[in-house]
């Protein structure tokens, strides 16, 4: 079913927090395209609350309504980065419940076809951003003409950190560069880093889960950034949703490495024209050949079947 609207009611408890300062180190500037925030207006139906030009509505009750569509059975929200920032800010300020933000592109949607549990987690996320160019093309095909650009994980992360500076408290989990990234962001944006946790053993034994939850809760962040990569980060966020009281968990995978300067991003002209996959494949062929040369064509074929109504993915 296309052109859906998702409503997420909030529930949970607030808690106190403390800050941890950190010294930073210089790193190269990331080139992230500036975007203007969607102008909020009064909800025309009730005269209260807030609505955006994208169709996102934040009701006076705190309920968030987000337009969405389906790709191979995976629900993708028709949002742009300014919408993401506004929704996250609302969840942090309201402090009701733990909200999960996923990034889903061609790879995630393809994996979800053969892994029902992953699709279930993606569809249960509070916000699932269109992470790749194919998702923006499909969004427009389904009538969401406002989706001009992808809400790409590294750009979502970079824009939020740059625009908010020290406003929120951040915890970086699950990547070998977590600590280094935290220091760099403190220096670069004034980011308030209240904790980091390096790449863990996997799968996580229960004792390790308890320890991680205790460390995060003691730090009391507003956002936990998860850099495990799909599908591990989705599994982590849904497992820890019941263990934490953090307002927002965001899975961004390789964004940690991009912002720490460990991986190079494609030139902006390639990113804006759906060619980043080729750049990444050229730099990591052994790791990515199957994703792009095998799974990519299968994705295109399956989407064609879905759009033609010849096959349902549910």
C-alpha atoms as a PDB file:
ATOM      1  CA  UNK A   1       0.000   0.000   0.000  1.00  0.00           C
ATOM      2  CA  UNK A   2       1.446   3.352  -1.037  1.00  0.00           C
ATOM      3  CA  UNK A   3       1.085   6.892   0.210  1.00  0.00           C
ATOM      4  CA  UNK A   4       0.597   5.781   3.800  1.00  0.00           C
ATOM      5  CA  UNK A   5       0.549   7.981   6.859  1.00  0.00           C
ATOM      6  CA  UNK A   6       2.165   6.729  10.064  1.00  0.00           C
ATOM      7  CA  UNK A   7       1.274   8.022  13.504  1.00  0.00           C
ATOM      8  CA  UNK A   8       3.592   7.502  16.451  1.00  0.00           C
ATOM      9  CA  UNK A   9       2.174   8.063  19.921  1.00  0.00           C
ATOM     10  CA  UNK A  10       4.705   8.750  22.628  1.00  0.00           C
ATOM     11  CA  UNK A  11       4.989   7.132  26.044  1.00  0.00           C
ATOM     12  CA  UNK A  12       7.617   6.747  28.736  1.00  0.00           C
ATOM     13  CA  UNK A  13       9.442   8.691  31.421  1.00  0.00           C
ATOM     14  CA  UNK A  14      11.898  11.571  31.631  1.00  0.00           C
ATOM     15  CA  UNK A  15      15.218  11.479  33.467  1.00  0.00           C
ATOM     16  CA  UNK A  16      18.087  13.727  34.537  1.00  0.00           C
ATOM     17  CA  UNK A  17      21.471  13.996  32.797  1.00  0.00           C
ATOM     18  CA  UNK A  18      25.044  15.065  33.292  1.00  0.00           C
ATOM     19  CA  UNK A  19      27.688  16.370  30.905  1.00  0.00           C
ATOM     20  CA  UNK A  20      31.186  15.168  30.130  1.00  0.00           C
ATOM     21  CA  UNK A  21      33.637  17.545  28.483  1.00  0.00           C
ATOM     22  CA  UNK A  22      36.270  16.338  26.045  1.00  0.00           C
ATOM     23  CA  UNK A  23      39.260  17.778  24.212  1.00  0.00           C
ATOM     24  CA  UNK A  24      39.098  17.548  20.472  1.00  0.00           C
ATOM     25  CA  UNK A  25      41.517  17.090  17.618  1.00  0.00           C
ATOM     26  CA  UNK A  26      41.473  18.724  14.221  1.00  0.00           C
ATOM     27  CA  UNK A  27      40.104  16.832  11.275  1.00  0.00           C
ATOM     28  CA  UNK A  28      39.190  17.652   7.722  1.00  0.00           C
ATOM     29  CA  UNK A  29      35.964  19.507   7.011  1.00  0.00           C
ATOM     30  CA  UNK A  30      33.092  17.409   5.669  1.00  0.00           C
ATOM     31  CA  UNK A  31      31.277  18.856   2.697  1.00  0.00           C
ATOM     32  CA  UNK A  32      27.606  18.626   3.582  1.00  0.00           C
ATOM     33  CA  UNK A  33      25.107  20.562   1.544  1.00  0.00           C
ATOM     34  CA  UNK A  34      23.228  23.251   3.457  1.00  0.00           C
ATOM     35  CA  UNK A  35      19.458  22.946   3.540  1.00  0.00           C
ATOM     36  CA  UNK A  36      16.731  25.291   4.709  1.00  0.00           C
ATOM     37  CA  UNK A  37      14.379  24.054   7.398  1.00  0.00           C
ATOM     38  CA  UNK A  38      10.771  23.418   6.427  1.00  0.00           C
ATOM     39  CA  UNK A  39       8.666  26.290   7.664  1.00  0.00           C
ATOM     40  CA  UNK A  40       6.322  25.094  10.420  1.00  0.00           C
ATOM     41  CA  UNK A  41       2.728  26.280  10.237  1.00  0.00           C
ATOM     42  CA  UNK A  42      -0.375  25.775  12.317  1.00  0.00           C
ATOM     43  CA  UNK A  43      -2.280  22.564  11.672  1.00  0.00           C
ATOM     44  CA  UNK A  44      -5.051  23.731   9.304  1.00  0.00           C
ATOM     45  CA  UNK A  45      -7.452  21.068  10.614  1.00  0.00           C
ATOM     46  CA  UNK A  46      -7.247  21.935  14.300  1.00  0.00           C
ATOM     47  CA  UNK A  47      -5.611  25.342  14.383  1.00  0.00           C
ATOM     48  CA  UNK A  48      -3.096  23.871  16.821  1.00  0.00           C
ATOM     49  CA  UNK A  49       0.008  21.774  16.678  1.00  0.00           C
ATOM     50  CA  UNK A  50       2.530  22.041  13.865  1.00  0.00           C
ATOM     51  CA  UNK A  51       2.638  20.881  10.265  1.00  0.00           C
ATOM     52  CA  UNK A  52       5.347  21.064   7.626  1.00  0.00           C
ATOM     53  CA  UNK A  53       5.275  21.364   3.862  1.00  0.00           C
ATOM     54  CA  UNK A  54       6.413  17.739   3.640  1.00  0.00           C
ATOM     55  CA  UNK A  55       3.169  16.543   5.254  1.00  0.00           C
ATOM     56  CA  UNK A  56       4.742  15.816   8.647  1.00  0.00           C
ATOM     57  CA  UNK A  57       2.377  16.875  11.429  1.00  0.00           C
ATOM     58  CA  UNK A  58       3.227  17.221  15.119  1.00  0.00           C
ATOM     59  CA  UNK A  59      -0.091  17.404  16.949  1.00  0.00           C
ATOM     60  CA  UNK A  60      -0.604  19.346  20.157  1.00  0.00           C
ATOM     61  CA  UNK A  61      -0.866  15.971  21.923  1.00  0.00           C
ATOM     62  CA  UNK A  62       2.706  15.179  20.839  1.00  0.00           C
ATOM     63  CA  UNK A  63       1.673  12.564  18.273  1.00  0.00           C
ATOM     64  CA  UNK A  64       3.785  12.669  15.122  1.00  0.00           C
ATOM     65  CA  UNK A  65       2.214  11.876  11.734  1.00  0.00           C
ATOM     66  CA  UNK A  66       4.690  11.028   8.958  1.00  0.00           C
ATOM     67  CA  UNK A  67       3.780  10.232   5.322  1.00  0.00           C
ATOM     68  CA  UNK A  68       5.292   6.997   3.964  1.00  0.00           C
ATOM     69  CA  UNK A  69       5.397   4.556   1.072  1.00  0.00           C
ATOM     70  CA  UNK A  70       6.524   0.941   0.611  1.00  0.00           C
ATOM     71  CA  UNK A  71       9.521  -0.522  -1.190  1.00  0.00           C
ATOM     72  CA  UNK A  72       9.624  -4.338  -1.319  1.00  0.00           C
ATOM     73  CA  UNK A  73       7.454  -4.426   1.787  1.00  0.00           C
ATOM     74  CA  UNK A  74       9.661  -2.011   3.734  1.00  0.00           C
ATOM     75  CA  UNK A  75       8.040   1.201   4.955  1.00  0.00           C
ATOM     76  CA  UNK A  76      10.026   4.307   3.994  1.00  0.00           C
ATOM     77  CA  UNK A  77       9.113   7.715   5.367  1.00  0.00           C
ATOM     78  CA  UNK A  78       8.836  10.514   2.812  1.00  0.00           C
ATOM     79  CA  UNK A  79      11.003  13.016   4.671  1.00  0.00           C
ATOM     80  CA  UNK A  80      13.875  15.366   4.042  1.00  0.00           C
ATOM     81  CA  UNK A  81      16.694  16.177   6.445  1.00  0.00           C
ATOM     82  CA  UNK A  82      15.009  19.312   7.880  1.00  0.00           C
ATOM     83  CA  UNK A  83      11.998  17.140   8.769  1.00  0.00           C
ATOM     84  CA  UNK A  84      14.280  14.624  10.487  1.00  0.00           C
ATOM     85  CA  UNK A  85      15.896  17.340  12.595  1.00  0.00           C
ATOM     86  CA  UNK A  86      12.532  18.775  13.636  1.00  0.00           C
ATOM     87  CA  UNK A  87      11.097  15.363  14.577  1.00  0.00           C
ATOM     88  CA  UNK A  88      14.192  14.420  16.589  1.00  0.00           C
ATOM     89  CA  UNK A  89      14.100  17.768  18.391  1.00  0.00           C
ATOM     90  CA  UNK A  90      10.446  17.181  19.288  1.00  0.00           C
ATOM     91  CA  UNK A  91      11.152  13.714  20.694  1.00  0.00           C
ATOM     92  CA  UNK A  92      14.074  14.984  22.763  1.00  0.00           C
ATOM     93  CA  UNK A  93      12.130  17.913  24.185  1.00  0.00           C
ATOM     94  CA  UNK A  94       9.079  15.810  24.985  1.00  0.00           C
ATOM     95  CA  UNK A  95      11.129  12.974  26.507  1.00  0.00           C
ATOM     96  CA  UNK A  96       8.402  10.365  26.233  1.00  0.00           C
ATOM     97  CA  UNK A  97       9.626   6.942  25.214  1.00  0.00           C
ATOM     98  CA  UNK A  98      12.595   5.622  23.218  1.00  0.00           C
ATOM     99  CA  UNK A  99      12.400   6.397  19.489  1.00  0.00           C
ATOM    100  CA  UNK A 100      14.281   4.460  16.818  1.00  0.00           C
ATOM    101  CA  UNK A 101      15.539   6.087  13.619  1.00  0.00           C
ATOM    102  CA  UNK A 102      16.686   3.819  10.776  1.00  0.00           C
ATOM    103  CA  UNK A 103      18.348   4.551   7.449  1.00  0.00           C
ATOM    104  CA  UNK A 104      17.117   2.335   4.612  1.00  0.00           C
ATOM    105  CA  UNK A 105      18.374   2.331   1.051  1.00  0.00           C
ATOM    106  CA  UNK A 106      18.615  -0.292  -1.659  1.00  0.00           C
ATOM    107  CA  UNK A 107      20.775  -2.596   0.476  1.00  0.00           C
ATOM    108  CA  UNK A 108      18.501  -2.522   3.511  1.00  0.00           C
ATOM    109  CA  UNK A 109      15.321  -3.026   1.498  1.00  0.00           C
ATOM    110  CA  UNK A 110      16.906  -5.939  -0.378  1.00  0.00           C
ATOM    111  CA  UNK A 111      18.093  -7.606   2.823  1.00  0.00           C
ATOM    112  CA  UNK A 112      14.625  -7.196   4.321  1.00  0.00           C
ATOM    113  CA  UNK A 113      13.131  -9.320   1.529  1.00  0.00           C
ATOM    114  CA  UNK A 114      15.057 -12.413   2.621  1.00  0.00           C
ATOM    115  CA  UNK A 115      15.129 -11.560   6.329  1.00  0.00           C
ATOM    116  CA  UNK A 116      11.579 -11.053   7.652  1.00  0.00           C
ATOM    117  CA  UNK A 117      12.850 -10.104  11.103  1.00  0.00           C
ATOM    118  CA  UNK A 118      14.817  -7.202   9.639  1.00  0.00           C
ATOM    119  CA  UNK A 119      11.771  -6.047   7.675  1.00  0.00           C
ATOM    120  CA  UNK A 120       9.717  -6.229  10.861  1.00  0.00           C
ATOM    121  CA  UNK A 121      12.218  -4.014  12.672  1.00  0.00           C
ATOM    122  CA  UNK A 122      12.416  -1.527   9.790  1.00  0.00           C
ATOM    123  CA  UNK A 123       8.634  -1.272   9.643  1.00  0.00           C
ATOM    124  CA  UNK A 124       8.402  -0.813  13.399  1.00  0.00           C
ATOM    125  CA  UNK A 125      10.910   2.048  13.466  1.00  0.00           C
ATOM    126  CA  UNK A 126       9.556   5.427  14.523  1.00  0.00           C
ATOM    127  CA  UNK A 127      11.358   7.045  11.608  1.00  0.00           C
ATOM    128  CA  UNK A 128      12.844   5.278   8.571  1.00  0.00           C
ATOM    129  CA  UNK A 129      14.716   7.689   6.324  1.00  0.00           C
ATOM    130  CA  UNK A 130      15.114   7.282   2.532  1.00  0.00           C
ATOM    131  CA  UNK A 131      18.862   6.675   2.568  1.00  0.00           C
ATOM    132  CA  UNK A 132      19.663   6.287  -1.121  1.00  0.00           C
ATOM    133  CA  UNK A 133      18.900   7.900  -4.468  1.00  0.00           C
ATOM    134  CA  UNK A 134      16.612   5.005  -5.547  1.00  0.00           C
ATOM    135  CA  UNK A 135      14.415   5.727  -2.534  1.00  0.00           C
ATOM    136  CA  UNK A 136      14.021   9.374  -3.526  1.00  0.00           C
ATOM    137  CA  UNK A 137      13.126   8.373  -7.086  1.00  0.00           C
ATOM    138  CA  UNK A 138      10.543   5.907  -5.793  1.00  0.00           C
ATOM    139  CA  UNK A 139       9.153   8.483  -3.337  1.00  0.00           C
ATOM    140  CA  UNK A 140       8.466  10.884  -6.207  1.00  0.00           C
ATOM    141  CA  UNK A 141       6.986   8.052  -8.241  1.00  0.00           C
ATOM    142  CA  UNK A 142       4.530   7.467  -5.397  1.00  0.00           C
ATOM    143  CA  UNK A 143       3.486  11.113  -5.402  1.00  0.00           C
ATOM    144  CA  UNK A 144       5.826  12.642  -2.814  1.00  0.00           C
ATOM    145  CA  UNK A 145       7.204  15.375  -5.054  1.00  0.00           C
ATOM    146  CA  UNK A 146       8.789  17.204  -2.123  1.00  0.00           C
ATOM    147  CA  UNK A 147      11.376  14.423  -1.716  1.00  0.00           C
ATOM    148  CA  UNK A 148      14.056  16.107  -3.806  1.00  0.00           C
ATOM    149  CA  UNK A 149      17.065  14.584  -2.066  1.00  0.00           C
ATOM    150  CA  UNK A 150      17.868  11.517   0.006  1.00  0.00           C
ATOM    151  CA  UNK A 151      18.057  11.713   3.793  1.00  0.00           C
ATOM    152  CA  UNK A 152      21.470  10.044   3.705  1.00  0.00           C
ATOM    153  CA  UNK A 153      22.849   8.750   7.021  1.00  0.00           C
ATOM    154  CA  UNK A 154      26.189  10.612   7.026  1.00  0.00           C
ATOM    155  CA  UNK A 155      24.431  13.815   5.955  1.00  0.00           C
ATOM    156  CA  UNK A 156      21.686  13.417   8.559  1.00  0.00           C
ATOM    157  CA  UNK A 157      24.372  12.962  11.202  1.00  0.00           C
ATOM    158  CA  UNK A 158      26.575  15.803   9.971  1.00  0.00           C
ATOM    159  CA  UNK A 159      23.727  18.278   9.552  1.00  0.00           C
ATOM    160  CA  UNK A 160      22.242  17.546  12.975  1.00  0.00           C
ATOM    161  CA  UNK A 161      25.606  17.865  14.726  1.00  0.00           C
ATOM    162  CA  UNK A 162      26.523  21.034  12.845  1.00  0.00           C
ATOM    163  CA  UNK A 163      23.161  22.763  13.278  1.00  0.00           C
ATOM    164  CA  UNK A 164      22.662  21.924  16.962  1.00  0.00           C
ATOM    165  CA  UNK A 165      26.207  22.282  18.330  1.00  0.00           C
ATOM    166  CA  UNK A 166      26.103  21.815  22.131  1.00  0.00           C
ATOM    167  CA  UNK A 167      22.285  21.714  22.324  1.00  0.00           C
ATOM    168  CA  UNK A 168      22.006  17.934  22.854  1.00  0.00           C
ATOM    169  CA  UNK A 169      24.026  15.282  24.678  1.00  0.00           C
ATOM    170  CA  UNK A 170      25.433  12.540  22.455  1.00  0.00           C
ATOM    171  CA  UNK A 171      26.687   8.987  22.954  1.00  0.00           C
ATOM    172  CA  UNK A 172      28.614   7.194  20.163  1.00  0.00           C
ATOM    173  CA  UNK A 173      28.323   3.413  20.197  1.00  0.00           C
ATOM    174  CA  UNK A 174      29.676   0.437  18.323  1.00  0.00           C
ATOM    175  CA  UNK A 175      32.436   1.608  16.008  1.00  0.00           C
ATOM    176  CA  UNK A 176      36.214   1.413  16.251  1.00  0.00           C
ATOM    177  CA  UNK A 177      36.420   5.204  15.792  1.00  0.00           C
ATOM    178  CA  UNK A 178      33.753   6.109  18.385  1.00  0.00           C
ATOM    179  CA  UNK A 179      36.174   7.771  20.824  1.00  0.00           C
ATOM    180  CA  UNK A 180      38.185   9.540  18.142  1.00  0.00           C
ATOM    181  CA  UNK A 181      34.986  10.782  16.497  1.00  0.00           C
ATOM    182  CA  UNK A 182      33.680  12.124  19.791  1.00  0.00           C
ATOM    183  CA  UNK A 183      36.853  14.156  20.377  1.00  0.00           C
ATOM    184  CA  UNK A 184      36.826  15.521  16.847  1.00  0.00           C
ATOM    185  CA  UNK A 185      33.168  16.571  16.990  1.00  0.00           C
ATOM    186  CA  UNK A 186      33.664  18.313  20.344  1.00  0.00           C
ATOM    187  CA  UNK A 187      36.376  20.415  18.759  1.00  0.00           C
ATOM    188  CA  UNK A 188      34.599  20.966  15.454  1.00  0.00           C
ATOM    189  CA  UNK A 189      30.986  21.694  16.492  1.00  0.00           C
ATOM    190  CA  UNK A 190      31.103  22.017  20.274  1.00  0.00           C
ATOM    191  CA  UNK A 191      29.232  18.713  20.466  1.00  0.00           C
ATOM    192  CA  UNK A 192      28.506  17.587  24.018  1.00  0.00           C
ATOM    193  CA  UNK A 193      29.809  14.017  24.073  1.00  0.00           C
ATOM    194  CA  UNK A 194      28.727  12.260  27.255  1.00  0.00           C
ATOM    195  CA  UNK A 195      30.108   8.849  26.349  1.00  0.00           C
ATOM    196  CA  UNK A 196      31.543   6.494  23.741  1.00  0.00           C
ATOM    197  CA  UNK A 197      31.709   2.717  23.398  1.00  0.00           C
ATOM    198  CA  UNK A 198      33.991   0.970  20.879  1.00  0.00           C
ATOM    199  CA  UNK A 199      33.233  -1.881  18.528  1.00  0.00           C
ATOM    200  CA  UNK A 200      31.900  -4.674  20.749  1.00  0.00           C
ATOM    201  CA  UNK A 201      32.171  -8.428  20.513  1.00  0.00           C
ATOM    202  CA  UNK A 202      29.328  -9.911  18.486  1.00  0.00           C
ATOM    203  CA  UNK A 203      26.875 -11.371  19.165  1.00  0.00           C
ATOM    204  CA  UNK A 204      26.523  -9.621  22.488  1.00  0.00           C
ATOM    205  CA  UNK A 205      26.330 -11.918  25.529  1.00  0.00           C
ATOM    206  CA  UNK A 206      23.709 -10.932  28.093  1.00  0.00           C
ATOM    207  CA  UNK A 207      26.332  -9.769  30.594  1.00  0.00           C
ATOM    208  CA  UNK A 208      27.739  -7.370  27.983  1.00  0.00           C
ATOM    209  CA  UNK A 209      24.245  -6.058  27.193  1.00  0.00           C
ATOM    210  CA  UNK A 210      23.669  -5.289  30.857  1.00  0.00           C
ATOM    211  CA  UNK A 211      27.012  -3.484  31.054  1.00  0.00           C
ATOM    212  CA  UNK A 212      26.357  -1.418  27.919  1.00  0.00           C
ATOM    213  CA  UNK A 213      22.904  -0.403  29.132  1.00  0.00           C
ATOM    214  CA  UNK A 214      24.333   0.670  32.489  1.00  0.00           C
ATOM    215  CA  UNK A 215      27.053   2.752  30.826  1.00  0.00           C
ATOM    216  CA  UNK A 216      24.594   4.516  28.516  1.00  0.00           C
ATOM    217  CA  UNK A 217      22.027   5.141  31.249  1.00  0.00           C
ATOM    218  CA  UNK A 218      24.700   6.582  33.542  1.00  0.00           C
ATOM    219  CA  UNK A 219      25.735   9.010  30.779  1.00  0.00           C
ATOM    220  CA  UNK A 220      22.086  10.009  30.163  1.00  0.00           C
ATOM    221  CA  UNK A 221      22.429  11.151  26.536  1.00  0.00           C
ATOM    222  CA  UNK A 222      19.684  12.659  24.388  1.00  0.00           C
ATOM    223  CA  UNK A 223      20.844  10.712  21.325  1.00  0.00           C
ATOM    224  CA  UNK A 224      22.717   7.429  20.967  1.00  0.00           C
ATOM    225  CA  UNK A 225      24.392   7.136  17.563  1.00  0.00           C
ATOM    226  CA  UNK A 226      24.844   3.472  16.558  1.00  0.00           C
ATOM    227  CA  UNK A 227      27.589   2.643  14.069  1.00  0.00           C
ATOM    228  CA  UNK A 228      27.326  -1.146  13.763  1.00  0.00           C
ATOM    229  CA  UNK A 229      26.013  -1.182  10.186  1.00  0.00           C
ATOM    230  CA  UNK A 230      22.874  -2.951   8.945  1.00  0.00           C
ATOM    231  CA  UNK A 231      21.389  -5.284  10.061  1.00  0.00           C
ATOM    232  CA  UNK A 232      23.290  -5.373  13.373  1.00  0.00           C
ATOM    233  CA  UNK A 233      22.428  -1.809  14.336  1.00  0.00           C
ATOM    234  CA  UNK A 234      18.705  -2.400  13.805  1.00  0.00           C
ATOM    235  CA  UNK A 235      18.905  -5.486  16.010  1.00  0.00           C
ATOM    236  CA  UNK A 236      20.813  -3.548  18.666  1.00  0.00           C
ATOM    237  CA  UNK A 237      18.370  -0.641  18.740  1.00  0.00           C
ATOM    238  CA  UNK A 238      15.291  -2.825  19.041  1.00  0.00           C
ATOM    239  CA  UNK A 239      16.920  -4.997  21.708  1.00  0.00           C
ATOM    240  CA  UNK A 240      17.962  -1.969  23.751  1.00  0.00           C
ATOM    241  CA  UNK A 241      14.717  -0.039  23.337  1.00  0.00           C
ATOM    242  CA  UNK A 242      13.396  -1.778  26.456  1.00  0.00           C
ATOM    243  CA  UNK A 243      16.698  -1.413  28.327  1.00  0.00           C
ATOM    244  CA  UNK A 244      17.168   2.348  27.931  1.00  0.00           C
ATOM    245  CA  UNK A 245      15.378   5.637  28.585  1.00  0.00           C
ATOM    246  CA  UNK A 246      17.222   7.611  25.900  1.00  0.00           C
ATOM    247  CA  UNK A 247      14.828   9.682  23.737  1.00  0.00           C
ATOM    248  CA  UNK A 248      16.414   8.811  20.367  1.00  0.00           C
ATOM    249  CA  UNK A 249      18.533   5.970  18.952  1.00  0.00           C
ATOM    250  CA  UNK A 250      19.871   6.574  15.425  1.00  0.00           C
ATOM    251  CA  UNK A 251      21.598   3.897  13.320  1.00  0.00           C
ATOM    252  CA  UNK A 252      23.996   5.426  10.795  1.00  0.00           C
ATOM    253  CA  UNK A 253      26.575   2.698  10.082  1.00  0.00           C
ATOM    254  CA  UNK A 254      29.562   3.952   8.095  1.00  0.00           C
ATOM    255  CA  UNK A 255      28.779   7.592   8.916  1.00  0.00           C
ATOM    256  CA  UNK A 256      31.160   7.226  11.867  1.00  0.00           C
ATOM    257  CA  UNK A 257      34.039   6.409   9.516  1.00  0.00           C
ATOM    258  CA  UNK A 258      33.139   9.153   7.029  1.00  0.00           C
ATOM    259  CA  UNK A 259      33.038  11.879   9.674  1.00  0.00           C
ATOM    260  CA  UNK A 260      36.200  10.606  11.372  1.00  0.00           C
ATOM    261  CA  UNK A 261      37.977  10.816   8.019  1.00  0.00           C
ATOM    262  CA  UNK A 262      38.632   7.070   7.799  1.00  0.00           C
ATOM    263  CA  UNK A 263      36.595   6.609   4.619  1.00  0.00           C
ATOM    264  CA  UNK A 264      36.292   9.019   1.717  1.00  0.00           C
ATOM    265  CA  UNK A 265      32.917  10.068   0.409  1.00  0.00           C
ATOM    266  CA  UNK A 266      32.106  10.381  -3.257  1.00  0.00           C
ATOM    267  CA  UNK A 267      32.283  13.849  -4.861  1.00  0.00           C
ATOM    268  CA  UNK A 268      29.072  15.800  -4.389  1.00  0.00           C
ATOM    269  CA  UNK A 269      28.153  15.555  -8.081  1.00  0.00           C
ATOM    270  CA  UNK A 270      28.209  11.767  -7.836  1.00  0.00           C
ATOM    271  CA  UNK A 271      26.171  11.805  -4.623  1.00  0.00           C
ATOM    272  CA  UNK A 272      23.530  14.087  -6.111  1.00  0.00           C
ATOM    273  CA  UNK A 273      23.150  11.962  -9.249  1.00  0.00           C
ATOM    274  CA  UNK A 274      22.839   8.518  -7.698  1.00  0.00           C
ATOM    275  CA  UNK A 275      26.390   7.425  -8.500  1.00  0.00           C
ATOM    276  CA  UNK A 276      27.883   7.082  -5.032  1.00  0.00           C
ATOM    277  CA  UNK A 277      27.459   3.316  -5.249  1.00  0.00           C
ATOM    278  CA  UNK A 278      29.978   3.261  -8.116  1.00  0.00           C
ATOM    279  CA  UNK A 279      32.476   5.321  -6.135  1.00  0.00           C
ATOM    280  CA  UNK A 280      32.200   3.066  -3.092  1.00  0.00           C
ATOM    281  CA  UNK A 281      32.414  -0.069  -5.211  1.00  0.00           C
ATOM    282  CA  UNK A 282      35.566   1.223  -6.929  1.00  0.00           C
ATOM    283  CA  UNK A 283      37.197   1.800  -3.525  1.00  0.00           C
ATOM    284  CA  UNK A 284      35.989  -1.387  -1.796  1.00  0.00           C
ATOM    285  CA  UNK A 285      35.348  -3.948  -4.557  1.00  0.00           C
ATOM    286  CA  UNK A 286      36.048  -7.058  -2.453  1.00  0.00           C
ATOM    287  CA  UNK A 287      33.534  -6.050   0.187  1.00  0.00           C
ATOM    288  CA  UNK A 288      30.858  -4.498  -2.000  1.00  0.00           C
ATOM    289  CA  UNK A 289      30.862  -6.425  -5.297  1.00  0.00           C
ATOM    290  CA  UNK A 290      27.983  -8.678  -4.321  1.00  0.00           C
ATOM    291  CA  UNK A 291      25.886  -5.812  -2.935  1.00  0.00           C
ATOM    292  CA  UNK A 292      26.066  -3.771  -6.128  1.00  0.00           C
ATOM    293  CA  UNK A 293      26.675  -6.258  -8.943  1.00  0.00           C
ATOM    294  CA  UNK A 294      24.385  -9.057  -7.727  1.00  0.00           C
ATOM    295  CA  UNK A 295      21.889  -7.606  -5.263  1.00  0.00           C
ATOM    296  CA  UNK A 296      21.521  -4.319  -7.152  1.00  0.00           C
ATOM    297  CA  UNK A 297      20.026  -5.848 -10.322  1.00  0.00           C
ATOM    298  CA  UNK A 298      17.814  -8.120  -8.189  1.00  0.00           C
ATOM    299  CA  UNK A 299      16.523  -5.030  -6.368  1.00  0.00           C
ATOM    300  CA  UNK A 300      15.667  -3.313  -9.656  1.00  0.00           C
ATOM    301  CA  UNK A 301      13.908  -6.441 -10.938  1.00  0.00           C
ATOM    302  CA  UNK A 302      11.878  -6.885  -7.737  1.00  0.00           C
ATOM    303  CA  UNK A 303      10.880  -3.206  -7.614  1.00  0.00           C
ATOM    304  CA  UNK A 304       9.721  -3.516 -11.226  1.00  0.00           C
ATOM    305  CA  UNK A 305       7.564  -6.511 -10.321  1.00  0.00           C
ATOM    306  CA  UNK A 306       6.159  -4.663  -7.321  1.00  0.00           C
ATOM    307  CA  UNK A 307       5.333  -1.509  -9.269  1.00  0.00           C
ATOM    308  CA  UNK A 308       3.689  -3.548 -12.023  1.00  0.00           C
ATOM    309  CA  UNK A 309       1.559  -5.328  -9.454  1.00  0.00           C
ATOM    310  CA  UNK A 310       2.989  -8.717 -10.430  1.00  0.00           C
ATOM    311  CA  UNK A 311       4.427  -9.530  -7.010  1.00  0.00           C
ATOM    312  CA  UNK A 312       3.730  -8.475  -3.451  1.00  0.00           C
ATOM    313  CA  UNK A 313       6.394  -8.238  -0.767  1.00  0.00           C
ATOM    314  CA  UNK A 314       4.867  -8.417   2.687  1.00  0.00           C
END
